[in-house]
Protein backbone atom coordinates (compact mmCIF):
# COMPACT_ATOMS: atom_id res chain seq x y z
CA UNK A 1 168.97 141.17 -55.05
CA UNK A 2 168.56 143.92 -52.47
CA UNK A 3 168.29 143.33 -48.71
CA UNK A 4 165.61 145.07 -46.80
CA UNK A 5 166.43 146.36 -43.27
CA UNK A 6 164.74 144.42 -40.55
CA UNK A 7 162.01 146.56 -39.15
CA UNK A 8 160.42 143.95 -37.05
CA UNK A 9 162.48 144.57 -34.06
CA UNK A 10 161.30 147.36 -31.70
CA UNK A 11 164.49 148.28 -30.13
CA UNK A 12 164.71 151.98 -29.68
CA UNK A 13 167.71 153.73 -31.06
CA UNK A 14 169.13 157.03 -29.91
CA UNK A 15 169.71 159.79 -32.47
CA UNK A 16 171.33 163.16 -31.77
CA UNK A 17 169.49 166.11 -33.34
CA UNK A 18 171.23 169.48 -33.68
CA UNK A 19 171.40 172.48 -35.77
CA UNK A 20 174.53 172.89 -38.03
CA UNK A 21 175.58 175.86 -40.02
CA UNK A 22 176.18 175.66 -43.76
CA UNK A 23 179.85 176.66 -44.32
CA UNK A 24 179.64 178.00 -47.83
CA UNK A 25 177.48 181.08 -46.91
CA UNK A 26 179.89 181.86 -44.04
CA UNK A 27 182.94 181.67 -46.41
CA UNK A 28 181.07 183.86 -49.04
CA UNK A 29 180.13 186.45 -46.39
CA UNK A 30 183.71 186.52 -44.97
CA UNK A 31 185.03 187.03 -48.64
CA UNK A 32 182.43 189.83 -49.21
CA UNK A 33 183.52 191.47 -45.86
CA UNK A 34 187.21 191.27 -46.92
CA UNK A 35 186.30 193.05 -50.27
CA UNK A 36 184.21 195.75 -48.44
CA UNK A 37 187.28 196.35 -46.13
CA UNK A 38 189.48 196.64 -49.08
CA UNK A 39 187.19 199.17 -50.62
CA UNK A 40 187.18 201.20 -47.35
CA UNK A 41 191.09 201.14 -47.31
CA UNK A 42 191.38 202.00 -51.03
CA UNK A 43 188.75 204.70 -51.51
CA UNK A 44 188.27 205.95 -47.85
CA UNK A 45 191.90 206.73 -47.26
CA UNK A 46 192.80 207.77 -50.86
CA UNK A 47 192.84 211.39 -49.85
CA UNK A 48 195.52 210.73 -47.18
CA UNK A 49 197.61 208.89 -49.81
CA UNK A 50 197.12 211.50 -52.46
CA UNK A 51 200.76 212.71 -52.14
CA UNK A 52 201.86 209.55 -54.00
CA UNK A 53 200.34 209.60 -57.49
CA UNK A 54 202.02 206.38 -58.47
CA UNK A 55 198.95 204.25 -58.06
CA UNK A 56 195.32 204.62 -58.97
CA UNK A 57 192.66 203.93 -56.34
CA UNK A 58 191.28 201.09 -58.29
CA UNK A 59 194.69 199.26 -58.53
CA UNK A 60 195.04 199.77 -54.73
CA UNK A 61 191.52 198.30 -54.27
CA UNK A 62 192.47 195.29 -56.46
CA UNK A 63 195.59 194.69 -54.36
CA UNK A 64 193.88 194.97 -51.07
CA UNK A 65 190.91 192.88 -52.27
CA UNK A 66 193.21 190.05 -53.18
CA UNK A 67 195.07 190.31 -49.91
CA UNK A 68 191.91 190.54 -47.74
CA UNK A 69 189.58 187.99 -49.32
CA UNK A 70 191.29 184.99 -47.89
CA UNK A 71 191.54 186.38 -44.34
CA UNK A 72 187.89 187.27 -44.52
CA UNK A 73 186.99 183.82 -45.59
CA UNK A 74 189.01 182.35 -42.73
CA UNK A 75 187.14 184.60 -40.22
CA UNK A 76 183.91 183.34 -41.76
CA UNK A 77 185.03 179.70 -41.39
CA UNK A 78 185.95 180.45 -37.78
CA UNK A 79 182.53 181.90 -37.19
CA UNK A 80 180.86 178.78 -38.64
CA UNK A 81 182.97 176.49 -36.54
CA UNK A 82 182.04 178.32 -33.37
CA UNK A 83 178.45 178.12 -34.20
CA UNK A 84 178.78 174.36 -35.05
CA UNK A 85 180.49 173.85 -31.61
CA UNK A 86 177.65 175.72 -29.97
CA UNK A 87 175.12 173.64 -31.76
CA UNK A 88 176.81 170.41 -30.54
CA UNK A 89 176.49 171.61 -27.03
CA UNK A 90 172.68 172.12 -27.35
CA UNK A 91 172.13 168.77 -29.20
CA UNK A 92 169.17 166.87 -28.17
CA UNK A 93 169.16 163.09 -27.91
CA UNK A 94 165.92 161.38 -29.05
CA UNK A 95 164.64 157.85 -28.80
CA UNK A 96 163.42 156.38 -32.12
CA UNK A 97 161.31 153.24 -32.39
CA UNK A 98 160.35 151.71 -35.71
CA UNK A 99 156.66 151.10 -36.27
CA UNK A 100 155.38 147.91 -37.79
CA UNK A 101 154.13 148.06 -41.32
CA UNK A 102 150.49 147.82 -41.72
CA UNK A 103 149.89 145.30 -44.63
CA UNK A 104 146.36 146.53 -45.28
CA UNK A 105 147.24 150.09 -45.83
CA UNK A 106 150.18 149.20 -48.07
CA UNK A 107 148.04 147.10 -50.37
CA UNK A 108 145.46 149.79 -50.59
CA UNK A 109 147.95 152.39 -51.55
CA UNK A 110 149.28 150.21 -54.33
CA UNK A 111 145.85 149.85 -55.90
């Protein structure tokens, strides 16, 4: 047995409508920014660190990528939270009223 909501009352309800960011794309973008920064550190400054031949540039990139992915994701999450807070400030409140069901149209759609 399922219970149907009572739509006969025409009491208006208030709803808040706002835009909210999706967090996963911000986290992915932050992680990619961390990897790009690691690439700049590893391959851009490799000529300055050429005096030390102990480490290859790709191993330096791997180390910096591991170290900079999490801070990059953290910065992406902070950016998403700031945009979410801004969206809450610009939220709009709307009044919603339920409309009565038209029995004639409902029976015609079933046939």
